[in-house]
Amino acid sequence: MKRFNQNVHKASKFRKLAPLIFGGLLGVFSVNLMAKTLDIGDSAPSFSVKTLNGTTVNLSDFKTQKPVYLKFWATWCTYCKVEMPHLQAMYDQYGDDIEILTVNIAMNDSVNNINTFFQQNGLNLPTTFDSDGSLTSAYGVVGTPFHVLIDKQGDIAYRTFLVTDKLDQTIVELAKGAAQ
């Protein structure tokens, strides 16, 4: 009987906390649902970030110069990790014609995890750690991986959750257009 009473007491505590927990979860999901969705052709939100190696990247520096490819990711995201060698190959091939920046969403992640992952996989991609979530929020990212291509005019050219043939095709087209 004593054990039953202890369980009833614990359940009573949970019932008191349940509205707070539910409200908190509802708030988190509401923020994600209210995140601005960027459509193809929309003007890309401007940004200025520091990469892990200390370089400052400003979107405005590339306007009229070359397109920009943003990949939002996390080290705990299986699909993100699987895609990284492909992204490295794209960077090696088109890095002079298109600015590639990986954006770690900084959710349950760390710079140390990123550095370890890059070292273990031979990656040397420009990367920023979005510690305050501002870039992730500005681009309406609600899951990873998430890819955004920005043309030379500063407009969203393509966006997708996974690497697709269309993503690769658009990267090649933007890179060729930048090289001309």
Foldseek 3Di string as FASTA:
>chain_A
DVVVVVVVVVVVVCVVCVVVVVVVVVVVVVLLVPQDAADFFAFQDWDWFAFPVGDIDTPVVQQLQAKEKEWEDALVDPQVLVCQVVVQVLCVVQVVHYPYEYEYQQDPHDPVSVVVSCVVVVHDHGYGYNNVNPNVRSNSPDDPGKMWMAANNRGTRDIDHHDDPVNVVVSVVRSVVNVD
